[in-house]
PDB file of N, CA and C in Angstrom:
ATOM      1  N   MET A   1       0.843  -1.175   0.000  1.00  0.00           N
ATOM      2  CA  MET A   1       0.000   0.000   0.000  1.00  0.00           C
ATOM      3  C   MET A   1       0.892   1.243   0.000  1.00  0.00           C
ATOM      4  N   VAL A   2       0.577   2.178  -0.866  1.00  0.00           N
ATOM      5  CA  VAL A   2       1.311   3.440  -0.953  1.00  0.00           C
ATOM      6  C   VAL A   2       0.361   4.553  -0.541  1.00  0.00           C
ATOM      7  N   TYR A   3       0.823   5.438   0.319  1.00  0.00           N
ATOM      8  CA  TYR A   3       0.000   6.551   0.767  1.00  0.00           C
ATOM      9  C   TYR A   3       0.409   7.834   0.053  1.00  0.00           C
ATOM     10  N   CYS A   4      -0.575   8.612  -0.341  1.00  0.00           N
ATOM     11  CA  CYS A   4      -0.339   9.889  -1.012  1.00  0.00           C
ATOM     12  C   CYS A   4       0.239  10.888  -0.015  1.00  0.00           C
ATOM     13  N   THR A   5       1.283  11.593  -0.419  1.00  0.00           N
ATOM     14  CA  THR A   5       1.896  12.586   0.465  1.00  0.00           C
ATOM     15  C   THR A   5       1.089  13.871   0.526  1.00  0.00           C
ATOM     16  N   LYS A   6       0.168  14.064  -0.410  1.00  0.00           N
ATOM     17  CA  LYS A   6      -0.641  15.280  -0.421  1.00  0.00           C
ATOM     18  C   LYS A   6      -1.918  15.116   0.396  1.00  0.00           C
ATOM     19  N   CYS A   7      -2.675  14.030   0.138  1.00  0.00           N
ATOM     20  CA  CYS A   7      -3.978  13.880   0.791  1.00  0.00           C
ATOM     21  C   CYS A   7      -4.051  12.701   1.753  1.00  0.00           C
ATOM     22  N   GLY A   8      -3.053  11.820   1.723  1.00  0.00           N
ATOM     23  CA  GLY A   8      -3.018  10.688   2.636  1.00  0.00           C
ATOM     24  C   GLY A   8      -3.823   9.474   2.202  1.00  0.00           C
ATOM     25  N   ALA A   9      -4.389   9.501   1.014  1.00  0.00           N
ATOM     26  CA  ALA A   9      -5.203   8.387   0.531  1.00  0.00           C
ATOM     27  C   ALA A   9      -4.353   7.146   0.286  1.00  0.00           C
ATOM     28  N   LYS A  10      -4.961   5.974   0.502  1.00  0.00           N
ATOM     29  CA  LYS A  10      -4.298   4.706   0.215  1.00  0.00           C
ATOM     30  C   LYS A  10      -4.365   4.446  -1.280  1.00  0.00           C
ATOM     31  N   ASN A  11      -3.261   3.963  -1.834  1.00  0.00           N
ATOM     32  CA  ASN A  11      -3.177   3.635  -3.252  1.00  0.00           C
ATOM     33  C   ASN A  11      -2.511   2.282  -3.406  1.00  0.00           C
ATOM     34  N   ALA A  12      -2.785   1.621  -4.529  1.00  0.00           N
ATOM     35  CA  ALA A  12      -2.154   0.334  -4.818  1.00  0.00           C
ATOM     36  C   ALA A  12      -0.646   0.518  -4.948  1.00  0.00           C
ATOM     37  N   ASP A  13       0.109  -0.529  -4.675  1.00  0.00           N
ATOM     38  CA  ASP A  13       1.570  -0.468  -4.757  1.00  0.00           C
ATOM     39  C   ASP A  13       2.067  -0.054  -6.136  1.00  0.00           C
ATOM     40  N   ASP A  14       1.327  -0.410  -7.178  1.00  0.00           N
ATOM     41  CA  ASP A  14       1.759  -0.087  -8.541  1.00  0.00           C
ATOM     42  C   ASP A  14       1.125   1.187  -9.094  1.00  0.00           C
ATOM     43  N   ALA A  15       0.436   1.953  -8.250  1.00  0.00           N
ATOM     44  CA  ALA A  15      -0.218   3.186  -8.696  1.00  0.00           C
ATOM     45  C   ALA A  15       0.815   4.236  -9.085  1.00  0.00           C
ATOM     46  N   VAL A  16       0.495   4.998 -10.129  1.00  0.00           N
ATOM     47  CA  VAL A  16       1.376   6.059 -10.601  1.00  0.00           C
ATOM     48  C   VAL A  16       0.889   7.408 -10.087  1.00  0.00           C
ATOM     49  N   VAL A  17      -0.443   7.568 -10.013  1.00  0.00           N
ATOM     50  CA  VAL A  17      -1.049   8.789  -9.485  1.00  0.00           C
ATOM     51  C   VAL A  17      -2.048   8.417  -8.399  1.00  0.00           C
ATOM     52  N   CYS A  18      -2.315   9.340  -7.497  1.00  0.00           N
ATOM     53  CA  CYS A  18      -3.257   9.126  -6.405  1.00  0.00           C
ATOM     54  C   CYS A  18      -4.678   8.978  -6.944  1.00  0.00           C
ATOM     55  N   VAL A  19      -5.407   7.980  -6.433  1.00  0.00           N
ATOM     56  CA  VAL A  19      -6.778   7.745  -6.880  1.00  0.00           C
ATOM     57  C   VAL A  19      -7.731   8.830  -6.392  1.00  0.00           C
ATOM     58  N   LYS A  20      -7.362   9.532  -5.333  1.00  0.00           N
ATOM     59  CA  LYS A  20      -8.244  10.554  -4.767  1.00  0.00           C
ATOM     60  C   LYS A  20      -7.969  11.945  -5.328  1.00  0.00           C
ATOM     61  N   CYS A  21      -6.704  12.383  -5.311  1.00  0.00           N
ATOM     62  CA  CYS A  21      -6.405  13.763  -5.712  1.00  0.00           C
ATOM     63  C   CYS A  21      -5.645  13.877  -7.028  1.00  0.00           C
ATOM     64  N   GLY A  22      -5.119  12.760  -7.551  1.00  0.00           N
ATOM     65  CA  GLY A  22      -4.454  12.773  -8.849  1.00  0.00           C
ATOM     66  C   GLY A  22      -2.995  13.194  -8.850  1.00  0.00           C
ATOM     67  N   VAL A  23      -2.428  13.472  -7.688  1.00  0.00           N
ATOM     68  CA  VAL A  23      -1.024  13.877  -7.636  1.00  0.00           C
ATOM     69  C   VAL A  23      -0.131  12.671  -7.963  1.00  0.00           C
ATOM     70  N   ALA A  24       1.001  12.946  -8.609  1.00  0.00           N
ATOM     71  CA  ALA A  24       1.934  11.877  -8.966  1.00  0.00           C
ATOM     72  C   ALA A  24       2.525  11.253  -7.709  1.00  0.00           C
ATOM     73  N   LEU A  25       2.571   9.935  -7.683  1.00  0.00           N
ATOM     74  CA  LEU A  25       3.139   9.201  -6.557  1.00  0.00           C
ATOM     75  C   LEU A  25       4.568   8.828  -6.899  1.00  0.00           C
ATOM     76  N   GLY A  26       5.491   9.739  -6.645  1.00  0.00           N
ATOM     77  CA  GLY A  26       6.895   9.500  -6.959  1.00  0.00           C
ATOM     78  C   GLY A  26       7.484   8.455  -6.049  1.00  0.00           C
ATOM     79  N   ARG A  27       8.361   7.658  -6.594  1.00  0.00           N
ATOM     80  CA  ARG A  27       9.068   6.648  -5.810  1.00  0.00           C
ATOM     81  C   ARG A  27      10.436   7.205  -5.465  1.00  0.00           C
ATOM     82  N   VAL A  28      10.755   7.176  -4.201  1.00  0.00           N
ATOM     83  CA  VAL A  28      12.038   7.694  -3.753  1.00  0.00           C
ATOM     84  C   VAL A  28      12.892   6.521  -3.305  1.00  0.00           C
ATOM     85  N   SER A  29      14.083   6.429  -3.857  1.00  0.00           N
ATOM     86  CA  SER A  29      15.013   5.390  -3.433  1.00  0.00           C
ATOM     87  C   SER A  29      16.366   6.034  -3.170  1.00  0.00           C
ATOM     88  N   ALA A  30      17.134   5.391  -2.344  1.00  0.00           N
ATOM     89  CA  ALA A  30      18.451   5.925  -2.013  1.00  0.00           C
ATOM     90  C   ALA A  30      19.363   5.835  -3.222  1.00  0.00           C
ATOM     91  N   PRO A  31      20.156   6.870  -3.478  1.00  0.00           N
ATOM     92  CA  PRO A  31      21.093   6.819  -4.595  1.00  0.00           C
ATOM     93  C   PRO A  31      22.148   5.746  -4.348  1.00  0.00           C
ATOM     94  N   PRO A  32      22.673   5.150  -5.416  1.00  0.00           N
ATOM     95  CA  PRO A  32      23.647   4.057  -5.258  1.00  0.00           C
ATOM     96  C   PRO A  32      24.849   4.427  -4.408  1.00  0.00           C
ATOM     97  N   TRP A  33      25.327   5.665  -4.498  1.00  0.00           N
ATOM     98  CA  TRP A  33      26.513   6.048  -3.732  1.00  0.00           C
ATOM     99  C   TRP A  33      26.273   6.001  -2.236  1.00  0.00           C
ATOM    100  N   SER A  34      25.030   6.203  -1.778  1.00  0.00           N
ATOM    101  CA  SER A  34      24.772   6.165  -0.340  1.00  0.00           C
ATOM    102  C   SER A  34      24.895   4.744   0.191  1.00  0.00           C
ATOM    103  N   ARG A  35      24.501   3.754  -0.617  1.00  0.00           N
ATOM    104  CA  ARG A  35      24.646   2.362  -0.206  1.00  0.00           C
ATOM    105  C   ARG A  35      26.122   1.982  -0.161  1.00  0.00           C
ATOM    106  N   GLU A  36      26.905   2.479  -1.131  1.00  0.00           N
ATOM    107  CA  GLU A  36      28.335   2.188  -1.151  1.00  0.00           C
ATOM    108  C   GLU A  36      29.021   2.794   0.063  1.00  0.00           C
ATOM    109  N   ARG A  37      28.632   4.006   0.416  1.00  0.00           N
ATOM    110  CA  ARG A  37      29.231   4.675   1.569  1.00  0.00           C
ATOM    111  C   ARG A  37      28.909   3.899   2.845  1.00  0.00           C
ATOM    112  N   ARG A  38      27.656   3.473   2.975  1.00  0.00           N
ATOM    113  CA  ARG A  38      27.244   2.739   4.155  1.00  0.00           C
ATOM    114  C   ARG A  38      28.045   1.441   4.276  1.00  0.00           C
ATOM    115  N   ARG A  39      28.268   0.769   3.167  1.00  0.00           N
ATOM    116  CA  ARG A  39      29.041  -0.468   3.170  1.00  0.00           C
ATOM    117  C   ARG A  39      30.465  -0.181   3.646  1.00  0.00           C
ATOM    118  N   GLY A  40      31.050   0.921   3.193  1.00  0.00           N
ATOM    119  CA  GLY A  40      32.396   1.289   3.604  1.00  0.00           C
ATOM    120  C   GLY A  40      32.485   1.586   5.085  1.00  0.00           C
ATOM    121  N   GLU A  41      31.471   2.236   5.635  1.00  0.00           N
ATOM    122  CA  GLU A  41      31.458   2.541   7.057  1.00  0.00           C
ATOM    123  C   GLU A  41      31.378   1.269   7.887  1.00  0.00           C
ATOM    124  N   GLU A  42      30.599   0.291   7.423  1.00  0.00           N
ATOM    125  CA  GLU A  42      30.487  -0.968   8.151  1.00  0.00           C
ATOM    126  C   GLU A  42      31.823  -1.697   8.183  1.00  0.00           C
ATOM    127  N   GLU A  43      32.573  -1.628   7.075  1.00  0.00           N
ATOM    128  CA  GLU A  43      33.873  -2.280   7.022  1.00  0.00           C
ATOM    129  C   GLU A  43      34.856  -1.618   7.982  1.00  0.00           C
ATOM    130  N   CYS A  44      34.749  -0.299   8.147  1.00  0.00           N
ATOM    131  CA  CYS A  44      35.663   0.434   9.023  1.00  0.00           C
ATOM    132  C   CYS A  44      35.303   0.271  10.493  1.00  0.00           C
ATOM    133  N   PHE A  45      34.001   0.308  10.775  1.00  0.00           N
ATOM    134  CA  PHE A  45      33.561   0.350  12.162  1.00  0.00           C
ATOM    135  C   PHE A  45      33.002  -0.975  12.671  1.00  0.00           C
ATOM    136  N   GLY A  46      32.984  -1.975  11.810  1.00  0.00           N
ATOM    137  CA  GLY A  46      32.573  -3.297  12.233  1.00  0.00           C
ATOM    138  C   GLY A  46      31.135  -3.459  12.389  1.00  0.00           C
TER     139      GLY A  46
END
């Protein structure tokens, strides 16, 4: 379930726009470099 950041409506996981208000449901993911940095920190700090 994906929730709209504008109106809070529940939307299907594969929805592109909100069923209630029509705003685009952007998918936010961490950039690849942040995962690489995190991996490096784990190697340094255990």
